[in-house]
């Protein structure tokens, strides 16, 4: 829902990927872009706008130049989308958004942030199916602490 995908096969090789290994060739990017947050005095403040389009284009370009059969998908960083990504399993989860050393804001679906403690995210990811669903997690956020 709302996700877009890209897959480019290397034209020189015919590569068949076993079903159970297909997660090895998947990268899921979750962009978090809440519009406002409440400061200490409960005043609504805007989040600085991040350039997700540039980041998206750079990721596409890197994969194109790598000439590998990799599925790249983009979605909004919400709690539900994170759970869906954990369930579908992929080799790499890439989070991009604001953050600090203790929290990462996911979108709440109403324009605001849903603040997740980094430790809670680690537990959520590690608690699924008794094993870690990703080989690698990349967090692009100020003071990410992941």
Protein backbone atom coordinates (compact mmCIF):
# COMPACT_ATOMS: atom_id res chain seq x y z
CA UNK A 1 0.00 0.00 0.00
CA UNK A 2 1.65 3.20 -1.18
CA UNK A 3 4.97 1.45 -1.75
CA UNK A 4 6.88 1.63 -4.98
CA UNK A 5 9.38 -0.96 -6.14
CA UNK A 6 12.25 -1.21 -8.58
CA UNK A 7 13.97 -4.31 -9.86
CA UNK A 8 16.66 -4.37 -12.54
CA UNK A 9 18.21 -7.64 -13.70
CA UNK A 10 21.75 -7.87 -15.00
CA UNK A 11 21.20 -8.43 -18.73
CA UNK A 12 24.43 -10.45 -19.13
CA UNK A 13 23.43 -13.16 -16.67
CA UNK A 14 20.40 -15.28 -16.02
CA UNK A 15 20.24 -15.64 -12.26
CA UNK A 16 17.63 -17.76 -10.56
CA UNK A 17 17.03 -16.94 -6.92
CA UNK A 18 15.61 -19.63 -4.64
CA UNK A 19 12.39 -18.51 -2.91
CA UNK A 20 13.94 -18.65 0.57
CA UNK A 21 16.94 -16.58 -0.56
CA UNK A 22 14.89 -13.88 -2.27
CA UNK A 23 14.98 -11.67 0.86
CA UNK A 24 18.74 -11.36 0.29
CA UNK A 25 18.06 -9.10 -2.67
CA UNK A 26 15.56 -6.72 -1.07
CA UNK A 27 16.12 -3.29 0.40
CA UNK A 28 13.21 -1.51 2.06
CA UNK A 29 13.44 2.23 2.61
CA UNK A 30 11.10 3.83 5.14
CA UNK A 31 10.87 7.63 4.95
CA UNK A 32 9.53 9.45 8.01
CA UNK A 33 8.11 12.89 7.29
CA UNK A 34 5.78 14.08 10.05
CA UNK A 35 4.76 17.70 9.52
CA UNK A 36 4.63 19.07 13.09
CA UNK A 37 5.56 18.24 16.67
CA UNK A 38 4.75 19.71 20.09
CA UNK A 39 7.61 21.39 21.90
CA UNK A 40 8.04 21.53 25.70
CA UNK A 41 5.35 24.21 26.00
CA UNK A 42 2.90 22.15 23.89
CA UNK A 43 3.26 24.58 20.96
CA UNK A 44 3.07 23.02 17.49
CA UNK A 45 6.34 23.41 15.62
CA UNK A 46 7.07 22.36 12.04
CA UNK A 47 9.64 19.70 11.29
CA UNK A 48 12.33 20.80 8.84
CA UNK A 49 11.58 19.37 5.40
CA UNK A 50 13.99 16.62 4.34
CA UNK A 51 14.99 16.01 0.72
CA UNK A 52 13.70 12.46 0.29
CA UNK A 53 13.50 12.84 -3.48
CA UNK A 54 17.26 13.38 -3.72
CA UNK A 55 17.92 10.43 -1.42
CA UNK A 56 15.57 8.26 -3.49
CA UNK A 57 17.34 9.23 -6.72
CA UNK A 58 20.78 8.55 -5.22
CA UNK A 59 19.69 5.08 -4.09
CA UNK A 60 18.25 4.31 -7.55
CA UNK A 61 21.47 5.48 -9.19
CA UNK A 62 23.71 3.43 -6.88
CA UNK A 63 21.75 0.26 -7.59
CA UNK A 64 21.71 0.94 -11.30
CA UNK A 65 25.49 1.37 -11.34
CA UNK A 66 25.98 -1.78 -9.24
CA UNK A 67 24.27 -3.86 -11.96
CA UNK A 68 22.75 -6.23 -9.43
CA UNK A 69 19.32 -7.81 -9.26
CA UNK A 70 18.07 -5.95 -6.19
CA UNK A 71 14.51 -5.04 -5.32
CA UNK A 72 14.28 -1.56 -3.83
CA UNK A 73 11.02 -0.43 -2.25
CA UNK A 74 10.00 2.85 -0.62
CA UNK A 75 7.25 3.44 1.90
CA UNK A 76 6.17 5.76 4.70
CA UNK A 77 7.67 5.09 8.11
CA UNK A 78 4.62 4.22 10.21
CA UNK A 79 4.30 1.58 12.91
CA UNK A 80 2.17 -0.60 10.59
CA UNK A 81 4.64 -0.32 7.69
CA UNK A 82 7.53 -1.22 10.01
CA UNK A 83 5.67 -4.34 11.18
CA UNK A 84 4.88 -5.27 7.56
CA UNK A 85 8.55 -4.83 6.63
CA UNK A 86 9.65 -7.01 9.55
CA UNK A 87 7.16 -9.69 8.46
CA UNK A 88 8.11 -9.69 4.79
CA UNK A 89 11.82 -9.82 5.65
CA UNK A 90 14.49 -8.20 3.52
CA UNK A 91 18.25 -8.01 3.71
CA UNK A 92 18.38 -4.30 4.51
CA UNK A 93 16.08 -1.83 6.23
CA UNK A 94 16.90 1.82 5.56
CA UNK A 95 15.20 4.42 7.81
CA UNK A 96 15.41 8.06 6.82
CA UNK A 97 13.97 10.90 8.86
CA UNK A 98 14.51 13.03 11.93
CA UNK A 99 15.67 11.58 15.21
CA UNK A 100 17.86 11.93 18.26
CA UNK A 101 19.92 9.61 20.43
CA UNK A 102 16.84 8.13 22.13
CA UNK A 103 13.90 8.42 19.73
CA UNK A 104 13.01 8.04 16.06
CA UNK A 105 9.79 9.71 14.93
CA UNK A 106 7.60 7.55 12.74
CA UNK A 107 4.50 9.08 11.15
CA UNK A 108 1.24 8.87 13.10
CA UNK A 109 -1.01 9.19 10.03
CA UNK A 110 -2.30 12.60 11.14
CA UNK A 111 0.71 14.77 10.31
CA UNK A 112 2.42 14.31 13.65
CA UNK A 113 5.17 12.09 14.98
CA UNK A 114 4.79 8.76 16.72
CA UNK A 115 7.94 8.78 18.86
CA UNK A 116 9.54 5.35 19.23
CA UNK A 117 12.35 4.73 21.65
CA UNK A 118 15.33 3.24 19.85
CA UNK A 119 15.45 0.37 22.36
CA UNK A 120 11.78 -0.45 21.69
CA UNK A 121 12.44 -0.55 17.95
CA UNK A 122 15.38 -2.90 18.51
CA UNK A 123 13.18 -5.18 20.64
CA UNK A 124 10.36 -5.11 18.08
CA UNK A 125 12.71 -6.05 15.26
CA UNK A 126 14.41 -8.77 17.30
CA UNK A 127 11.16 -10.26 18.66
CA UNK A 128 9.69 -11.24 15.31
CA UNK A 129 9.79 -14.93 14.34
CA UNK A 130 12.53 -15.62 16.90
CA UNK A 131 15.23 -14.21 14.63
CA UNK A 132 16.41 -10.89 13.31
CA UNK A 133 14.59 -10.13 10.02
CA UNK A 134 17.36 -7.96 8.51
CA UNK A 135 21.05 -8.44 7.92
CA UNK A 136 21.64 -4.72 8.07
CA UNK A 137 19.74 -1.66 9.30
CA UNK A 138 20.81 1.79 8.10
CA UNK A 139 19.48 4.80 10.00
CA UNK A 140 19.84 8.18 8.37
CA UNK A 141 18.84 10.56 11.16
CA UNK A 142 20.49 13.19 13.32
CA UNK A 143 21.83 11.51 16.50
CA UNK A 144 20.40 8.21 15.24
CA UNK A 145 22.07 6.07 17.94
CA UNK A 146 20.98 2.83 16.25
